[in-house]
Amino acid sequence: MDSESPQTQRRSDSGESTIVTKGNHATGKQFPNEENEVSSLIGEKKRGLGPAVKSNRGALSERDANSVNPTAAKDRKRALNIVSEQRPTTREPSAAIYSNVQKKRRIFNDFESAAPGVKGTEQTLTKNGSDALADDTTFNTWEDLDRLEEGDVFLVPEYANDIFEHLYKRELETLPSHNYLVKHQSQIYYRPSVRAILIDWLVEVHEKFQCFPETLYLAINIMDRFFAGNRVATDKLQLVAVSALFMAAKFEEVHLPKLSEYAYITAGAATNTSIKKAELFMLTSLKFDLGWPNPLNFLRRISKADNYDTDTRNVGKLLLEHAICSPKFITTKPSLVAAMSMYIARQVTHKDKELWNKSLKHYSGGIDPLHDPEFQKLCKELIQELANPSTVLNSLLTKSADQSKYGSIFNDTCTWCKHQLACNFEGLFTL
């Protein structure tokens, strides 16, 4: 940190400087050659990615022979022996759940006319955007696909609408406050190339640990939200990235990597102690709110209306991952990113078929591609990101182009996107 900067680094009792300076006093002053410093720092650490990380992971913590109480284990076994034979799991769904009573669906959007202090306003989804209840014909044009899964103990279709109504609310509460890569929007500013270096490294580590896709997306959300409110020293950026992945894995994974594996993968840039301190600091900054609605949940919901078409879903997941890693969609709602990905995926794989119908509109939360200029603009930006990426993400490109995993999906999708740019998106929103 420059000595002339009003930002000061606090030090702990052990003499280590804290991760960030106070966001309220940030001036937005850039570090000299910031992206070169970050690139060199992380570039030197990539040797830690060489050996495959293999371990017998515990579900939540590291355990050894000394930590196991053999007496307690025997007691538990004895207790299991006296349990009577379990009855099969059965469910009798209430008839009221699948009654013919039509209910108003609700969506939540962050309109500017919202009341002060409220991030979103509740609006009834009706024809032409009116507040009156739509006629029965409009509501009956989409197919109730949840009804086909009645009685399924895993899908619990009777709760699906309530669950997604809650997710539509939560996605507005867990977005970054602003795009910290746009200089005029905040005093706390980072160059897009700096974020790209961190994302590129996260993708590589995520692949090495073989975690779920949801873990990577949540880690990026945690990192983006933290960067939007805190100015981080250049030599601590990788610590923030690995700590975000550490927290996301504990939230999403069942068998997660050990803390020592995260420290090892940085090749000395972070220690067990520094990761734990960073985790606590970041959680406090985020008010321990990690319940971000993952965009894959919305994509799966839309895929139901697509009859779970495998090709379309794979292209949609590819587009979704590139959108999450792109600097242009940091503040875009996950449900909107999922809808964009599925709409473009259907364009790529369903050229001569109906691209968007009433069922897709219903299960996407009310997205109408023909009459939503903002949605159309975002779709064009995502296509442009695939054709001509605004930042270099080598690890993501290598992962996407892996023929053993995705076949020719990436190449075919990129070819289609470049064709759309060449013809100026002609016919993109013509159903």
Protein backbone atom coordinates (compact mmCIF):
# COMPACT_ATOMS: atom_id res chain seq x y z
CA MET A 1 0.00 0.00 0.00
CA ASP A 2 1.39 3.47 -0.86
CA SER A 3 2.42 5.53 2.13
CA GLU A 4 0.49 8.53 0.74
CA SER A 5 -2.81 6.65 0.69
CA PRO A 6 -5.28 7.48 3.48
CA GLN A 7 -5.98 3.77 3.79
CA THR A 8 -4.10 2.14 6.62
CA GLN A 9 -3.40 -1.47 7.35
CA ARG A 10 -4.34 -2.66 10.81
CA ARG A 11 -2.19 -5.28 12.45
CA SER A 12 -3.20 -8.10 14.71
CA ASP A 13 -1.47 -9.04 17.95
CA SER A 14 0.72 -11.46 16.04
CA GLY A 15 1.89 -8.69 13.73
CA GLU A 16 0.06 -9.90 10.61
CA SER A 17 -1.76 -7.26 8.62
CA THR A 18 -5.46 -7.71 8.04
CA ILE A 19 -6.89 -8.59 4.65
CA VAL A 20 -8.60 -5.35 3.79
CA THR A 21 -8.72 -1.70 4.53
CA LYS A 22 -11.96 -0.11 5.58
CA GLY A 23 -14.29 0.16 2.62
CA ASN A 24 -15.81 3.43 3.87
CA HIS A 25 -12.45 5.20 3.51
CA ALA A 26 -11.46 3.66 0.21
CA THR A 27 -10.42 6.15 -2.45
CA GLY A 28 -10.33 3.78 -5.41
CA LYS A 29 -6.61 4.43 -5.92
CA GLN A 30 -5.13 1.62 -7.99
CA PHE A 31 -2.02 -0.29 -7.08
CA PRO A 32 0.91 0.28 -9.45
CA ASN A 33 1.00 -2.49 -12.07
CA GLU A 34 -1.71 -4.28 -10.11
CA GLU A 35 -2.60 -6.94 -12.65
CA ASN A 36 1.06 -7.72 -13.34
CA GLU A 37 1.65 -8.20 -9.62
CA VAL A 38 -1.37 -10.47 -9.28
CA SER A 39 -0.39 -12.47 -12.35
CA SER A 40 3.14 -12.97 -11.05
CA LEU A 41 1.94 -13.88 -7.56
CA ILE A 42 -0.53 -16.50 -8.74
CA GLY A 43 1.69 -17.60 -11.59
CA GLU A 44 4.40 -18.61 -9.16
CA LYS A 45 1.92 -20.49 -7.01
CA LYS A 46 0.54 -22.63 -9.84
CA ARG A 47 3.26 -25.18 -9.26
CA GLY A 48 1.10 -26.26 -6.32
CA LEU A 49 -1.49 -27.49 -8.82
CA GLY A 50 0.85 -30.13 -10.23
CA PRO A 51 0.30 -33.16 -7.98
CA ALA A 52 -3.20 -34.52 -7.86
CA VAL A 53 -4.85 -33.87 -4.55
CA LYS A 54 -5.93 -37.18 -3.11
CA SER A 55 -7.18 -37.79 0.38
CA ASN A 56 -9.68 -39.75 2.36
CA ARG A 57 -11.89 -36.86 3.25
CA GLY A 58 -14.07 -36.64 6.28
CA ALA A 59 -17.51 -35.14 5.84
CA LEU A 60 -16.87 -32.05 7.93
CA SER A 61 -13.59 -32.38 9.80
CA GLU A 62 -10.29 -34.19 9.97
CA ARG A 63 -10.32 -37.21 12.26
CA ASP A 64 -7.71 -39.70 13.39
CA ALA A 65 -7.64 -42.81 15.54
CA ASN A 66 -7.12 -40.80 18.72
CA SER A 67 -10.28 -38.78 18.16
CA VAL A 68 -12.57 -41.83 18.04
CA ASN A 69 -14.18 -43.11 21.22
CA PRO A 70 -14.41 -46.92 20.80
CA THR A 71 -16.80 -47.25 23.74
CA ALA A 72 -19.20 -44.75 22.24
CA ALA A 73 -19.01 -46.54 18.90
CA LYS A 74 -19.96 -49.85 20.53
CA ASP A 75 -22.85 -48.18 22.33
CA ARG A 76 -24.15 -46.85 19.06
CA LYS A 77 -23.95 -50.29 17.49
CA ARG A 78 -25.85 -51.82 20.40
CA ALA A 79 -28.51 -49.15 20.06
CA LEU A 80 -28.95 -49.96 16.39
CA ASN A 81 -29.56 -53.63 17.14
CA ILE A 82 -32.71 -52.98 19.15
CA VAL A 83 -34.38 -50.77 16.57
CA SER A 84 -37.47 -52.42 15.17
CA GLU A 85 -37.82 -53.05 11.47
CA GLN A 86 -38.41 -49.80 9.63
CA ARG A 87 -41.56 -49.36 7.67
CA PRO A 88 -41.36 -48.33 4.01
CA THR A 89 -41.60 -44.61 3.30
CA THR A 90 -45.05 -43.75 2.04
CA ARG A 91 -46.75 -40.49 1.24
CA GLU A 92 -50.36 -39.61 0.66
CA PRO A 93 -50.45 -36.17 -0.96
CA SER A 94 -53.38 -34.05 0.01
CA ALA A 95 -56.10 -33.75 -2.59
CA ALA A 96 -56.18 -30.02 -1.97
CA ILE A 97 -52.65 -29.71 -3.31
CA TYR A 98 -53.71 -30.68 -6.81
CA SER A 99 -57.10 -29.04 -6.82
CA ASN A 100 -58.28 -27.05 -9.81
CA VAL A 101 -58.13 -23.75 -7.94
CA GLN A 102 -55.99 -21.33 -9.92
CA LYS A 103 -53.46 -19.30 -7.92
CA LYS A 104 -51.73 -16.10 -8.86
CA ARG A 105 -48.05 -16.59 -9.55
CA ARG A 106 -45.74 -13.94 -8.25
CA ILE A 107 -42.37 -12.76 -9.43
CA PHE A 108 -40.01 -10.31 -7.79
CA ASN A 109 -38.10 -7.66 -9.67
CA ASP A 110 -35.83 -4.88 -8.50
CA PHE A 111 -37.73 -1.96 -10.01
CA GLU A 112 -36.61 1.59 -9.34
CA SER A 113 -40.05 2.41 -7.99
CA ALA A 114 -39.54 0.10 -5.01
CA ALA A 115 -40.05 1.61 -1.58
CA PRO A 116 -36.93 2.96 0.19
CA GLY A 117 -34.98 0.19 1.88
CA VAL A 118 -36.76 -2.53 -0.10
CA LYS A 119 -34.71 -4.29 -2.78
CA GLY A 120 -37.61 -5.65 -4.76
CA THR A 121 -41.32 -5.20 -5.24
CA GLU A 122 -43.86 -7.96 -5.52
CA GLN A 123 -45.81 -8.01 -8.74
CA THR A 124 -48.53 -10.29 -10.02
CA LEU A 125 -47.55 -12.03 -13.25
CA THR A 126 -50.45 -11.24 -15.57
CA LYS A 127 -51.00 -10.56 -19.22
CA ASN A 128 -49.75 -7.15 -20.45
CA GLY A 129 -48.22 -6.46 -17.01
CA SER A 130 -51.53 -5.35 -15.49
CA ASP A 131 -52.32 -5.82 -11.82
CA ALA A 132 -55.62 -7.53 -12.55
CA LEU A 133 -55.85 -11.29 -12.41
CA ALA A 134 -55.39 -12.79 -15.86
CA ASP A 135 -58.19 -14.76 -17.43
CA ASP A 136 -58.37 -18.53 -17.02
CA THR A 137 -57.36 -19.12 -20.63
CA THR A 138 -53.98 -17.45 -20.11
CA PHE A 139 -53.19 -19.55 -17.04
CA ASN A 140 -54.26 -22.81 -18.65
CA THR A 141 -51.94 -22.48 -21.66
CA TRP A 142 -48.93 -23.81 -19.74
CA GLU A 143 -48.65 -27.46 -18.73
CA ASP A 144 -48.53 -28.39 -15.04
CA LEU A 145 -45.46 -30.63 -15.17
CA ASP A 146 -45.19 -30.80 -11.38
CA ARG A 147 -48.40 -32.81 -11.31
CA LEU A 148 -46.69 -35.62 -13.22
CA GLU A 149 -44.29 -36.06 -10.30
CA GLU A 150 -47.00 -36.33 -7.67
CA GLY A 151 -45.95 -38.48 -4.71
CA ASP A 152 -42.20 -38.32 -5.48
CA VAL A 153 -40.42 -38.11 -2.11
CA PHE A 154 -37.32 -36.53 -3.68
CA LEU A 155 -38.84 -33.90 -5.96
CA VAL A 156 -41.69 -32.91 -3.56
CA PRO A 157 -43.60 -31.14 -6.37
CA GLU A 158 -46.26 -29.81 -3.98
CA TYR A 159 -43.61 -27.50 -2.49
CA ALA A 160 -41.90 -26.51 -5.76
CA ASN A 161 -43.78 -23.25 -6.34
CA ASP A 162 -43.22 -22.06 -2.76
CA ILE A 163 -39.54 -22.98 -2.91
CA PHE A 164 -38.90 -21.05 -6.10
CA GLU A 165 -40.95 -18.11 -4.92
CA HIS A 166 -38.56 -17.96 -1.97
CA LEU A 167 -35.53 -18.26 -4.27
CA TYR A 168 -36.75 -15.34 -6.39
CA LYS A 169 -36.76 -13.22 -3.23
CA ARG A 170 -33.39 -14.44 -2.00
CA GLU A 171 -31.55 -13.80 -5.26
CA LEU A 172 -32.17 -10.07 -4.86
CA GLU A 173 -30.72 -10.13 -1.35
CA THR A 174 -27.52 -11.99 -2.20
CA LEU A 175 -26.28 -10.11 -5.27
CA PRO A 176 -23.16 -7.92 -5.14
CA SER A 177 -24.17 -4.35 -4.32
CA HIS A 178 -22.65 -3.11 -7.59
CA ASN A 179 -20.26 -4.11 -10.35
CA TYR A 180 -16.90 -3.25 -8.80
CA LEU A 181 -15.23 -3.62 -12.22
CA VAL A 182 -16.95 -0.47 -13.52
CA LYS A 183 -14.89 2.48 -12.38
CA HIS A 184 -17.61 5.13 -12.18
CA GLN A 185 -19.92 2.99 -10.01
CA SER A 186 -17.74 2.74 -6.92
CA GLN A 187 -14.66 4.05 -5.18
CA ILE A 188 -13.65 0.43 -4.66
CA TYR A 189 -12.51 -0.50 -8.14
CA TYR A 190 -10.68 -3.53 -9.54
CA ARG A 191 -9.58 -4.07 -13.10
CA PRO A 192 -11.44 -6.84 -14.98
CA SER A 193 -8.09 -8.50 -15.72
CA VAL A 194 -7.41 -8.89 -11.98
CA ARG A 195 -10.70 -10.71 -11.46
CA ALA A 196 -10.03 -12.82 -14.56
CA ILE A 197 -6.73 -14.03 -13.10
CA LEU A 198 -8.44 -15.06 -9.86
CA ILE A 199 -11.37 -16.74 -11.67
CA ASP A 200 -8.97 -18.59 -13.96
CA TRP A 201 -7.09 -19.93 -10.93
CA LEU A 202 -10.32 -20.86 -9.13
CA VAL A 203 -11.55 -22.86 -12.13
CA GLU A 204 -8.28 -24.79 -12.20
CA VAL A 205 -8.33 -25.52 -8.46
CA HIS A 206 -12.01 -26.45 -8.61
CA GLU A 207 -11.25 -28.99 -11.33
CA LYS A 208 -8.34 -30.38 -9.33
CA PHE A 209 -10.53 -30.87 -6.26
CA GLN A 210 -13.36 -32.33 -8.40
CA CYS A 211 -16.05 -30.36 -6.61
CA PHE A 212 -19.63 -29.78 -7.73
CA PRO A 213 -20.33 -26.95 -10.22
CA GLU A 214 -22.47 -25.27 -7.54
CA THR A 215 -19.35 -24.92 -5.38
CA LEU A 216 -17.50 -22.90 -8.02
CA TYR A 217 -20.48 -20.62 -8.68
CA LEU A 218 -21.03 -19.94 -4.98
CA ALA A 219 -17.32 -19.24 -4.49
CA ILE A 220 -17.42 -16.65 -7.27
CA ASN A 221 -20.52 -15.06 -5.72
CA ILE A 222 -18.84 -14.88 -2.29
CA MET A 223 -15.72 -13.33 -3.79
CA ASP A 224 -17.69 -10.79 -5.86
CA ARG A 225 -19.82 -9.71 -2.91
CA PHE A 226 -16.75 -9.29 -0.72
CA PHE A 227 -14.81 -7.32 -3.34
CA ALA A 228 -17.81 -5.03 -3.88
CA GLY A 229 -17.50 -3.77 -0.30
CA ASN A 230 -13.82 -4.14 0.57
CA ARG A 231 -10.54 -2.99 -0.85
CA VAL A 232 -8.01 -5.86 -0.72
CA ALA A 233 -4.24 -5.60 -0.84
CA THR A 234 -2.67 -7.14 -3.93
CA ASP A 235 -0.79 -9.83 -2.03
CA LYS A 236 -4.03 -10.92 -0.28
CA LEU A 237 -6.18 -11.42 -3.39
CA GLN A 238 -5.35 -15.10 -3.74
CA LEU A 239 -6.10 -15.60 -0.04
CA VAL A 240 -9.59 -14.17 -0.58
CA ALA A 241 -10.14 -16.44 -3.60
CA VAL A 242 -9.07 -19.65 -1.87
CA SER A 243 -11.04 -18.73 1.27
CA ALA A 244 -14.16 -18.18 -0.85
CA LEU A 245 -13.75 -21.65 -2.37
CA PHE A 246 -13.16 -23.08 1.11
CA MET A 247 -16.43 -21.60 2.40
CA ALA A 248 -18.39 -22.61 -0.70
CA ALA A 249 -17.20 -26.22 -0.41
CA LYS A 250 -18.35 -26.41 3.20
CA PHE A 251 -21.74 -25.11 2.10
CA GLU A 252 -22.23 -27.33 -0.97
CA GLU A 253 -20.07 -30.44 -0.65
CA VAL A 254 -20.54 -33.61 1.40
CA HIS A 255 -16.95 -34.88 1.19
CA LEU A 256 -14.93 -31.69 1.05
CA PRO A 257 -11.18 -31.11 0.77
CA LYS A 258 -9.22 -30.65 3.98
CA LEU A 259 -8.05 -27.24 5.06
CA SER A 260 -4.44 -28.31 4.57
CA GLU A 261 -5.19 -29.09 0.92
CA TYR A 262 -6.34 -25.53 0.32
CA ALA A 263 -3.14 -24.20 1.89
CA TYR A 264 -1.04 -26.63 -0.14
CA ILE A 265 -2.68 -25.69 -3.44
CA THR A 266 -1.50 -22.07 -2.98
CA ALA A 267 2.13 -23.24 -2.58
CA GLY A 268 2.75 -21.04 0.43
CA ALA A 269 0.60 -18.04 -0.45
CA ALA A 270 -1.84 -19.00 2.33
CA THR A 271 -1.56 -21.03 5.52
CA ASN A 272 -4.16 -22.90 7.54
CA THR A 273 -4.27 -20.06 10.04
CA SER A 274 -4.54 -17.28 7.45
CA ILE A 275 -7.37 -19.10 5.63
CA LYS A 276 -9.34 -19.50 8.87
CA LYS A 277 -8.83 -15.83 9.76
CA ALA A 278 -9.84 -14.76 6.26
CA GLU A 279 -12.91 -16.98 6.44
CA LEU A 280 -14.09 -15.36 9.67
CA PHE A 281 -13.40 -11.86 8.37
CA MET A 282 -15.25 -12.49 5.10
CA LEU A 283 -18.21 -14.15 6.81
CA THR A 284 -18.52 -11.19 9.15
CA SER A 285 -18.40 -8.80 6.20
CA LEU A 286 -21.14 -10.79 4.43
CA LYS A 287 -23.16 -11.11 7.67
CA PHE A 288 -22.85 -14.91 7.43
CA ASP A 289 -25.30 -14.91 4.52
CA LEU A 290 -24.23 -17.64 2.08
CA GLY A 291 -27.71 -18.72 0.97
CA TRP A 292 -27.31 -17.53 -2.61
CA PRO A 293 -29.81 -19.23 -4.98
CA ASN A 294 -27.55 -21.13 -7.34
CA PRO A 295 -28.36 -20.55 -11.05
CA LEU A 296 -28.26 -24.30 -11.68
CA ASN A 297 -31.45 -24.62 -9.62
CA PHE A 298 -33.25 -22.27 -12.01
CA LEU A 299 -31.73 -23.97 -15.06
CA ARG A 300 -33.02 -27.35 -13.89
CA ARG A 301 -36.45 -25.84 -13.35
CA ILE A 302 -36.55 -24.50 -16.92
CA SER A 303 -35.16 -27.78 -18.25
CA LYS A 304 -38.29 -29.50 -16.96
CA ALA A 305 -40.34 -27.56 -19.54
CA ASP A 306 -37.81 -28.68 -22.16
CA ASN A 307 -38.50 -32.33 -21.32
CA TYR A 308 -34.98 -32.53 -19.86
CA ASP A 309 -33.40 -32.55 -23.32
CA THR A 310 -29.77 -33.60 -22.77
CA ASP A 311 -28.19 -31.63 -25.63
CA THR A 312 -29.98 -28.42 -24.73
CA ARG A 313 -29.17 -28.80 -21.07
CA ASN A 314 -25.45 -29.38 -21.73
CA VAL A 315 -25.24 -26.29 -23.93
CA GLY A 316 -27.16 -24.34 -21.30
CA LYS A 317 -24.74 -25.39 -18.56
CA LEU A 318 -21.80 -24.40 -20.75
CA LEU A 319 -23.29 -20.95 -21.37
CA LEU A 320 -24.18 -20.61 -17.70
CA GLU A 321 -20.62 -21.26 -16.56
CA HIS A 322 -19.19 -18.72 -18.99
CA ALA A 323 -21.76 -16.14 -17.85
CA ILE A 324 -20.89 -16.64 -14.17
CA CYS A 325 -17.18 -16.24 -14.91
CA SER A 326 -17.72 -13.22 -17.17
CA PRO A 327 -17.23 -9.71 -15.72
CA LYS A 328 -20.38 -8.46 -17.46
CA PHE A 329 -22.95 -10.37 -15.41
CA ILE A 330 -21.75 -9.82 -11.84
CA THR A 331 -24.98 -8.09 -10.79
CA THR A 332 -27.35 -10.11 -13.00
CA LYS A 333 -29.88 -12.27 -11.15
CA PRO A 334 -29.15 -16.02 -11.25
CA SER A 335 -32.65 -16.79 -12.54
CA LEU A 336 -32.08 -14.40 -15.44
CA VAL A 337 -28.67 -15.91 -16.23
CA ALA A 338 -30.26 -19.37 -16.29
CA ALA A 339 -33.09 -18.20 -18.57
CA MET A 340 -30.60 -16.55 -20.95
CA SER A 341 -28.51 -19.72 -21.09
CA MET A 342 -31.50 -21.95 -21.81
CA TYR A 343 -32.96 -19.62 -24.43
CA ILE A 344 -29.68 -19.45 -26.35
CA ALA A 345 -29.16 -23.20 -25.89
CA ARG A 346 -32.54 -23.87 -27.50
CA GLN A 347 -31.54 -21.61 -30.37
CA VAL A 348 -28.37 -23.65 -30.84
CA THR A 349 -30.02 -27.09 -30.67
CA HIS A 350 -33.63 -26.45 -31.79
CA LYS A 351 -33.29 -24.37 -34.93
CA ASP A 352 -36.53 -25.57 -36.53
CA LYS A 353 -38.62 -26.02 -33.39
CA GLU A 354 -40.67 -23.80 -31.13
CA LEU A 355 -38.08 -21.92 -29.08
CA TRP A 356 -40.18 -20.54 -26.23
CA ASN A 357 -43.71 -21.46 -25.23
CA LYS A 358 -46.09 -20.80 -22.34
CA SER A 359 -44.62 -23.61 -20.25
CA LEU A 360 -41.08 -22.27 -20.66
CA LYS A 361 -42.31 -18.81 -19.76
CA HIS A 362 -43.99 -20.17 -16.64
CA TYR A 363 -41.03 -22.25 -15.42
CA SER A 364 -38.53 -19.46 -16.12
CA GLY A 365 -40.36 -17.11 -13.77
CA GLY A 366 -42.25 -15.19 -16.45
CA ILE A 367 -39.48 -14.44 -18.96
CA ASP A 368 -40.88 -13.35 -22.33
CA PRO A 369 -37.97 -13.08 -24.80
CA LEU A 370 -40.02 -11.27 -27.47
CA HIS A 371 -41.16 -8.42 -25.24
CA ASP A 372 -38.27 -7.99 -22.79
CA PRO A 373 -35.62 -5.58 -24.16
CA GLU A 374 -33.35 -6.03 -21.14
CA PHE A 375 -33.38 -9.80 -21.56
CA GLN A 376 -32.58 -9.45 -25.27
CA LYS A 377 -29.67 -7.12 -24.49
CA LEU A 378 -28.20 -9.58 -21.96
CA CYS A 379 -28.55 -12.48 -24.41
CA LYS A 380 -26.60 -10.55 -27.04
CA GLU A 381 -23.87 -9.76 -24.50
CA LEU A 382 -23.58 -13.43 -23.54
CA ILE A 383 -23.32 -14.46 -27.19
CA GLN A 384 -20.60 -11.87 -27.67
CA GLU A 385 -18.74 -13.20 -24.62
CA LEU A 386 -18.63 -16.67 -26.19
CA ALA A 387 -17.57 -15.38 -29.59
CA ASN A 388 -15.09 -12.74 -28.40
CA PRO A 389 -14.37 -13.01 -24.63
CA SER A 390 -13.70 -9.69 -22.92
CA THR A 391 -11.20 -11.32 -20.51
CA VAL A 392 -8.77 -14.19 -20.89
CA LEU A 393 -9.83 -17.34 -19.01
CA ASN A 394 -7.50 -20.06 -20.23
CA SER A 395 -8.53 -22.65 -17.64
CA LEU A 396 -12.21 -22.21 -18.49
CA LEU A 397 -11.52 -22.50 -22.23
CA THR A 398 -9.42 -25.62 -21.67
CA LYS A 399 -12.15 -27.15 -19.54
CA SER A 400 -14.90 -26.29 -22.04
CA ALA A 401 -12.93 -27.62 -25.01
CA ASP A 402 -12.26 -30.97 -23.30
CA GLN A 403 -13.63 -33.43 -25.86
CA SER A 404 -13.86 -36.26 -23.32
CA LYS A 405 -16.34 -34.26 -21.22
CA TYR A 406 -18.27 -32.06 -23.61
CA GLY A 407 -17.59 -33.51 -27.05
CA SER A 408 -18.00 -30.87 -29.74
CA ILE A 409 -20.52 -28.78 -27.78
CA PHE A 410 -18.10 -25.92 -27.11
CA ASN A 411 -16.86 -25.64 -30.69
CA ASP A 412 -20.39 -25.85 -32.11
CA THR A 413 -21.68 -23.23 -29.68
CA CYS A 414 -18.81 -20.84 -30.39
CA THR A 415 -19.34 -21.25 -34.14
CA TRP A 416 -23.04 -20.45 -33.73
CA CYS A 417 -22.26 -17.38 -31.60
CA LYS A 418 -19.78 -16.04 -34.14
CA HIS A 419 -22.37 -16.53 -36.87
CA GLN A 420 -24.88 -14.53 -34.82
CA LEU A 421 -22.40 -11.67 -34.51
CA ALA A 422 -21.70 -11.77 -38.23
CA CYS A 423 -25.40 -11.51 -39.12
CA ASN A 424 -26.09 -8.91 -36.39
CA PHE A 425 -28.33 -11.27 -34.35
CA GLU A 426 -30.84 -11.59 -37.18
CA GLY A 427 -33.73 -13.85 -36.22
CA LEU A 428 -32.49 -14.32 -32.65
CA PHE A 429 -35.80 -13.25 -31.14
CA THR A 430 -38.12 -14.41 -33.89
CA LEU A 431 -40.12 -17.38 -32.65
